[in-house]
Each structure stands twice: as structure tokens, then as C-alpha cells.
Amino acid sequence: MTGRPRLAAGTVEVGALRLHVRTGRPGGACATPALLVPGLGSSSRYLEPLGAELASDRLVVAPDLPGTGRSPRAAGPLSLDELAGTLRRLMERMTGPATVVANSFGCIVAIELALRAPDLVERLVLTSPVLAPRARSPVPLVLRFARAMRHEPPRYLAMVLVDVLRASVPKGWADLRVLLEVPVLERAADLTVPTLVVRGTRDHLVPPPFARRVAARIPRGEFAELDSSHALPFAAPRALADLVRSAGATPGTPR
């Protein structure tokens, strides 16, 4: 955990939805803003370490998606299109064109956002992107998730437990359906924005070959690894922030 100050919490109206957001603002010159997108059923709390690192030189916005964290649930479960649309409207209101940094399930939403609003996404950073094709059924996914969580910091696990208990059941099922149905590799191949795929070397949820395949499918994709677990924004915030800053300036690991 970084020693930087916590992000400020607040709410913002996005269309008919009210989102809880965490924001960080630098005191001096600003680099490209960053939008942080959390994983399955999680609030943006675990993104705070990365957000605090990045907020030293740029505006950072980290929302709780509808039905998670402190964001009220929508009238019904939101589709992938609707989630991407919600983030697009949030960016139009708060960041303008930005670097979008997503973790785990959030990578699927971020890919959809970049496909639908490439003018707003200057660069994508996909950390621990799920889901490997062979895990496209609930049982292998749950087993792999359980193995992955054994390698996460205890404080992160406590956050996830609170978030899962707080999240709405319809929201959780909707997210799970997205995980099981979206053809991640095919969607990634349609991306036009520069994209960095990052995997933790101790990530037991995302196999190395799959992460490399995601990067290889993206026309302007790069691949990098960090000595970390699945929850990269929490477990390795400083190293990941350095990658975000340098993305595109130097080549990543060959794909």
C-alpha cells in the first residue's frame, strides 16, 4: 500500500444513474487523465493504491459500477453495452479523453468502451484480463478464482468479501453472464487504440498464454508482466503506475 493520500469520495449523476466515484487531482501540471475500472462485483476501493500513485501527475477517476460498492443499483441488471455507455458518459462529464486502466472483469467493459468510443480512450491498459476460453463455464471459473485468491493480500480479500456481500444479486449474475458469453479474443481483435496487456507472474486466474494471445490479437497491442498477483492495482500499484506512464514510450515484452 502506498503512503500517498487517499482518493476523495463523492457522487456524480450519469444520465439516470448516480455513481459513487473516487477522484484524485494533482497539485501541478497534469498528464492524460486516467479512468480506473474495477473487477467483478468489486467497488473501486481496491483501486485506490494505483489511483493515489497516478494522481501525483494527473486527474484520476475510479467509479463504483452500478450495483456495486456505494453506487445504487440500476432499475435492472445492465448489459455490457449499458455498462460501457455509463463509463462513456462519465468520461464525457469528468475526464474527457483519458487512459483507461481496467482490472479483471473490468477489462471486458473497457474493451467495449474503447470499441464504442475510441475518441475518448487514448490508451487502454488491461490488467489481468479474463477469461480464458477453457474456463467458459461456472465451475472451472470458480475453482480458478479460489486458487487465485489464495495469492492475494489479506486486506484485499477483506475488501472483496465486503463488496461481494454488498453487491446486488442481479448485478452479480449479469456480470457472470458477461464473463461466460463475451468472446474476449474476438472483441480484442477489433480494437484500434494502443493497448498494453499486463499480467501478474503469480496470477492463477489468467494463464500466461491467454494474456499473450489477447495482446497478440490487438493490432496495436503490447504485453508486459509484473511480479504480482491477480489484483495488480492493489498488490503492485507503483510498478503498475510506472507502466501506465511509460505505455507507448517503450516497447513491452514481445508478444
Protein backbone atom coordinates (compact mmCIF):
# COMPACT_ATOMS: atom_id res chain seq x y z
CA MET A 1 0.00 0.00 0.00
CA THR A 2 1.36 3.38 -0.98
CA GLY A 3 1.80 6.19 1.54
CA ARG A 4 0.10 8.70 -0.74
CA PRO A 5 -3.18 10.30 0.46
CA ARG A 6 -6.47 8.53 -0.16
CA LEU A 7 -8.62 9.50 -3.09
CA ALA A 8 -11.58 11.79 -2.41
CA ALA A 9 -15.02 10.14 -2.42
CA GLY A 10 -18.15 11.66 -3.91
CA THR A 11 -21.14 11.06 -6.18
CA VAL A 12 -21.91 12.11 -9.76
CA GLU A 13 -25.08 11.92 -11.82
CA VAL A 14 -24.59 10.00 -15.07
CA GLY A 15 -27.80 10.01 -17.04
CA ALA A 16 -30.42 8.38 -14.84
CA LEU A 17 -27.76 6.78 -12.63
CA ARG A 18 -25.94 8.08 -9.58
CA LEU A 19 -22.41 6.74 -9.27
CA HIS A 20 -20.09 6.76 -6.30
CA VAL A 21 -16.65 7.82 -7.53
CA ARG A 22 -13.19 8.22 -6.06
CA THR A 23 -11.09 11.01 -7.52
CA GLY A 24 -7.54 12.24 -7.24
CA ARG A 25 -6.27 15.57 -8.52
CA PRO A 26 -2.60 16.60 -8.88
CA GLY A 27 -1.35 19.87 -7.48
CA GLY A 28 0.74 20.74 -10.54
CA ALA A 29 0.92 20.01 -14.24
CA CYS A 30 -1.42 17.30 -15.48
CA ALA A 31 -0.71 14.30 -17.67
CA THR A 32 -3.51 12.49 -19.53
CA PRO A 33 -6.37 11.73 -17.10
CA ALA A 34 -6.96 8.13 -16.02
CA LEU A 35 -10.20 6.22 -15.62
CA LEU A 36 -9.90 3.11 -13.44
CA VAL A 37 -12.37 0.25 -13.96
CA PRO A 38 -12.79 -2.39 -11.20
CA GLY A 39 -13.33 -6.12 -11.49
CA LEU A 40 -16.29 -8.46 -10.99
CA GLY A 41 -18.55 -7.41 -8.09
CA SER A 42 -15.87 -5.13 -6.67
CA SER A 43 -16.04 -1.48 -5.75
CA SER A 44 -13.26 0.91 -6.67
CA ARG A 45 -11.80 0.74 -3.14
CA TYR A 46 -9.10 -1.72 -4.13
CA LEU A 47 -8.05 0.60 -6.97
CA GLU A 48 -7.09 3.35 -4.51
CA PRO A 49 -3.38 2.39 -4.23
CA LEU A 50 -2.94 2.68 -8.00
CA GLY A 51 -5.14 5.78 -8.14
CA ALA A 52 -3.10 7.51 -5.46
CA GLU A 53 0.11 6.78 -7.37
CA LEU A 54 -1.27 8.13 -10.64
CA ALA A 55 -2.90 11.16 -9.02
CA SER A 56 0.54 12.65 -8.41
CA ASP A 57 0.54 13.91 -12.01
CA ARG A 58 -2.98 13.51 -13.43
CA LEU A 59 -6.70 13.51 -12.73
CA VAL A 60 -7.85 10.04 -11.65
CA VAL A 61 -11.48 8.89 -11.62
CA ALA A 62 -12.43 5.47 -10.21
CA PRO A 63 -16.18 4.66 -10.20
CA ASP A 64 -18.17 2.02 -8.38
CA LEU A 65 -20.18 0.45 -11.21
CA PRO A 66 -23.98 0.43 -10.71
CA GLY A 67 -24.99 -2.10 -8.07
CA THR A 68 -21.50 -2.38 -6.56
CA GLY A 69 -19.83 -0.59 -3.69
CA ARG A 70 -21.72 2.56 -2.79
CA SER A 71 -23.35 3.05 -6.18
CA PRO A 72 -27.09 2.32 -6.11
CA ARG A 73 -28.28 -0.46 -8.36
CA ALA A 74 -29.95 0.40 -11.64
CA ALA A 75 -33.63 -0.44 -12.27
CA GLY A 76 -32.40 -3.78 -13.63
CA PRO A 77 -29.10 -5.52 -14.45
CA LEU A 78 -27.11 -3.54 -17.01
CA SER A 79 -25.88 -5.17 -20.19
CA LEU A 80 -22.30 -4.86 -21.37
CA ASP A 81 -23.41 -2.15 -23.81
CA GLU A 82 -25.07 -0.22 -21.00
CA LEU A 83 -22.05 -0.51 -18.71
CA ALA A 84 -19.80 0.80 -21.48
CA GLY A 85 -22.27 3.60 -22.15
CA THR A 86 -22.27 4.55 -18.47
CA LEU A 87 -18.47 4.85 -18.50
CA ARG A 88 -18.58 6.86 -21.71
CA ARG A 89 -20.97 9.38 -20.16
CA LEU A 90 -18.85 9.52 -17.02
CA MET A 91 -15.76 10.31 -19.11
CA GLU A 92 -17.62 12.99 -21.06
CA ARG A 93 -18.54 14.62 -17.76
CA MET A 94 -15.35 14.18 -15.73
CA THR A 95 -12.22 13.31 -17.72
CA GLY A 96 -12.58 13.84 -21.44
CA PRO A 97 -10.12 11.68 -23.43
CA ALA A 98 -8.20 9.50 -20.99
CA THR A 99 -6.09 6.43 -20.39
CA VAL A 100 -8.43 3.64 -19.27
CA VAL A 101 -6.91 1.17 -16.80
CA ALA A 102 -9.04 -1.90 -16.11
CA ASN A 103 -8.61 -4.98 -13.97
CA SER A 104 -10.04 -8.48 -14.41
CA PHE A 105 -13.73 -8.33 -15.45
CA GLY A 106 -13.32 -4.58 -15.90
CA CYS A 107 -11.16 -5.34 -18.95
CA ILE A 108 -14.21 -6.66 -20.80
CA VAL A 109 -16.13 -3.46 -20.08
CA ALA A 110 -13.10 -1.33 -21.03
CA ILE A 111 -12.69 -3.13 -24.36
CA GLU A 112 -16.34 -2.47 -25.16
CA LEU A 113 -15.90 1.18 -24.16
CA ALA A 114 -12.88 1.57 -26.46
CA LEU A 115 -14.74 -0.06 -29.35
CA ARG A 116 -17.72 2.27 -28.94
CA ALA A 117 -15.91 5.49 -28.04
CA PRO A 118 -12.34 5.35 -29.41
CA ASP A 119 -12.23 9.15 -29.40
CA LEU A 120 -12.41 9.11 -25.60
CA VAL A 121 -9.92 6.27 -24.98
CA GLU A 122 -6.40 7.47 -25.73
CA ARG A 123 -4.88 4.25 -24.45
CA LEU A 124 -6.03 1.02 -22.83
CA VAL A 125 -4.18 -0.78 -20.04
CA LEU A 126 -5.75 -4.19 -19.47
CA THR A 127 -4.50 -5.80 -16.26
CA SER A 128 -5.25 -9.48 -15.60
CA PRO A 129 -7.80 -9.78 -18.42
CA VAL A 130 -10.28 -12.62 -18.05
CA LEU A 131 -11.47 -15.05 -19.27
CA ALA A 132 -9.52 -17.96 -20.73
CA PRO A 133 -11.63 -19.91 -23.25
CA ARG A 134 -11.33 -23.21 -21.40
CA ALA A 135 -12.85 -21.59 -18.30
CA ARG A 136 -16.11 -20.61 -20.03
CA SER A 137 -18.33 -22.44 -17.54
CA PRO A 138 -19.06 -21.60 -13.90
CA VAL A 139 -17.28 -24.49 -12.15
CA PRO A 140 -13.78 -24.06 -13.68
CA LEU A 141 -14.12 -20.31 -13.21
CA VAL A 142 -14.99 -20.60 -9.52
CA LEU A 143 -12.18 -23.08 -8.90
CA ARG A 144 -9.64 -20.92 -10.69
CA PHE A 145 -10.86 -17.84 -8.82
CA ALA A 146 -10.48 -19.66 -5.49
CA ARG A 147 -6.90 -20.65 -6.33
CA ALA A 148 -6.11 -17.09 -7.40
CA MET A 149 -7.46 -15.57 -4.18
CA ARG A 150 -5.04 -17.63 -2.07
CA HIS A 151 -2.23 -15.50 -3.50
CA GLU A 152 -3.83 -12.11 -2.80
CA PRO A 153 -3.05 -9.77 0.15
CA PRO A 154 -5.38 -10.35 3.15
CA ARG A 155 -6.55 -6.73 3.13
CA TYR A 156 -7.62 -7.07 -0.49
CA LEU A 157 -9.53 -10.27 0.31
CA ALA A 158 -11.39 -8.47 3.11
CA MET A 159 -12.39 -5.71 0.68
CA VAL A 160 -13.63 -8.23 -1.88
CA LEU A 161 -15.70 -10.06 0.74
CA VAL A 162 -17.41 -6.82 1.84
CA ASP A 163 -18.03 -5.80 -1.77
CA VAL A 164 -19.49 -9.17 -2.76
CA LEU A 165 -21.83 -9.17 0.25
CA ARG A 166 -22.93 -5.62 -0.57
CA ALA A 167 -23.41 -6.10 -4.33
CA SER A 168 -26.87 -6.87 -5.67
CA VAL A 169 -27.58 -10.45 -6.75
CA PRO A 170 -28.94 -9.40 -10.18
CA LYS A 171 -25.77 -7.41 -10.77
CA GLY A 172 -23.60 -10.41 -9.92
CA TRP A 173 -25.47 -12.75 -12.24
CA ALA A 174 -25.40 -10.21 -15.06
CA ASP A 175 -21.63 -9.85 -14.68
CA LEU A 176 -21.18 -13.62 -14.63
CA ARG A 177 -23.17 -14.00 -17.84
CA VAL A 178 -20.91 -11.44 -19.49
CA LEU A 179 -17.83 -13.39 -18.37
CA LEU A 180 -19.19 -16.61 -19.78
CA GLU A 181 -20.55 -15.26 -23.06
CA VAL A 182 -18.33 -12.45 -24.37
CA PRO A 183 -15.73 -13.64 -26.92
CA VAL A 184 -12.85 -11.63 -25.47
CA LEU A 185 -10.28 -12.56 -28.13
CA GLU A 186 -12.60 -11.70 -30.99
CA ARG A 187 -13.57 -8.35 -29.44
CA ALA A 188 -9.93 -7.50 -28.71
CA ALA A 189 -9.05 -8.00 -32.37
CA ASP A 190 -11.32 -5.08 -33.28
CA LEU A 191 -9.56 -2.56 -31.04
CA THR A 192 -7.91 0.42 -32.74
CA VAL A 193 -6.45 2.20 -29.69
CA PRO A 194 -2.93 1.49 -28.33
CA THR A 195 -3.31 -1.22 -25.69
CA LEU A 196 -0.99 -2.66 -23.05
CA VAL A 197 -1.90 -6.06 -21.58
CA VAL A 198 -0.38 -6.67 -18.15
CA ARG A 199 -0.30 -9.95 -16.24
CA GLY A 200 0.99 -10.76 -12.77
CA THR A 201 3.51 -13.61 -12.69
CA ARG A 202 1.65 -15.07 -9.67
CA ASP A 203 -1.81 -14.76 -11.23
CA HIS A 204 -3.54 -18.15 -11.06
CA LEU A 205 -6.70 -16.91 -12.79
CA VAL A 206 -5.22 -15.69 -16.09
CA PRO A 207 -2.87 -18.20 -17.77
CA PRO A 208 0.22 -16.67 -19.45
CA PRO A 209 -0.63 -17.99 -22.93
CA PHE A 210 -4.09 -16.41 -22.79
CA ALA A 211 -2.79 -12.99 -21.73
CA ARG A 212 -0.24 -13.09 -24.55
CA ARG A 213 -2.93 -14.15 -27.02
CA VAL A 214 -5.07 -11.17 -26.02
CA ALA A 215 -2.14 -8.80 -26.65
CA ALA A 216 -1.28 -10.52 -29.92
CA ARG A 217 -4.85 -10.17 -31.21
CA ILE A 218 -4.84 -6.39 -30.68
CA PRO A 219 -3.42 -4.56 -33.72
CA ARG A 220 -1.59 -2.01 -31.53
CA GLY A 221 -1.13 -4.31 -28.54
CA GLU A 222 1.84 -4.82 -26.22
CA PHE A 223 2.41 -7.26 -23.38
CA ALA A 224 4.15 -6.88 -20.02
CA GLU A 225 4.43 -8.87 -16.80
CA LEU A 226 4.89 -7.73 -13.21
CA ASP A 227 5.89 -9.73 -10.14
CA SER A 228 2.42 -9.69 -8.64
CA SER A 229 -0.90 -11.49 -8.23
CA HIS A 230 -4.25 -11.01 -9.98
CA ALA A 231 -5.20 -7.76 -8.22
CA LEU A 232 -2.39 -5.73 -9.78
CA PRO A 233 -3.78 -2.26 -8.92
CA PHE A 234 -3.77 -3.20 -5.23
CA ALA A 235 -0.79 -5.54 -4.99
CA ALA A 236 1.69 -3.68 -7.24
CA PRO A 237 0.43 -0.08 -7.55
CA ARG A 238 3.76 1.68 -8.01
CA ALA A 239 5.10 -0.73 -10.62
CA LEU A 240 1.80 -0.64 -12.48
CA ALA A 241 1.68 3.17 -12.34
CA ASP A 242 5.16 3.25 -13.86
CA LEU A 243 3.92 1.02 -16.70
CA VAL A 244 0.89 3.24 -17.27
CA ARG A 245 3.14 6.28 -17.54
CA SER A 246 5.57 4.60 -19.90
CA ALA A 247 3.00 2.73 -22.02
CA GLY A 248 3.69 3.52 -25.64
CA ALA A 249 7.01 5.21 -24.89
CA THR A 250 8.98 1.96 -24.84
CA PRO A 251 8.16 -1.47 -26.23
CA GLY A 252 6.69 -4.03 -23.89
CA THR A 253 7.64 -7.68 -23.74
CA PRO A 254 7.48 -9.30 -27.20
CA ARG A 255 4.03 -10.78 -27.71
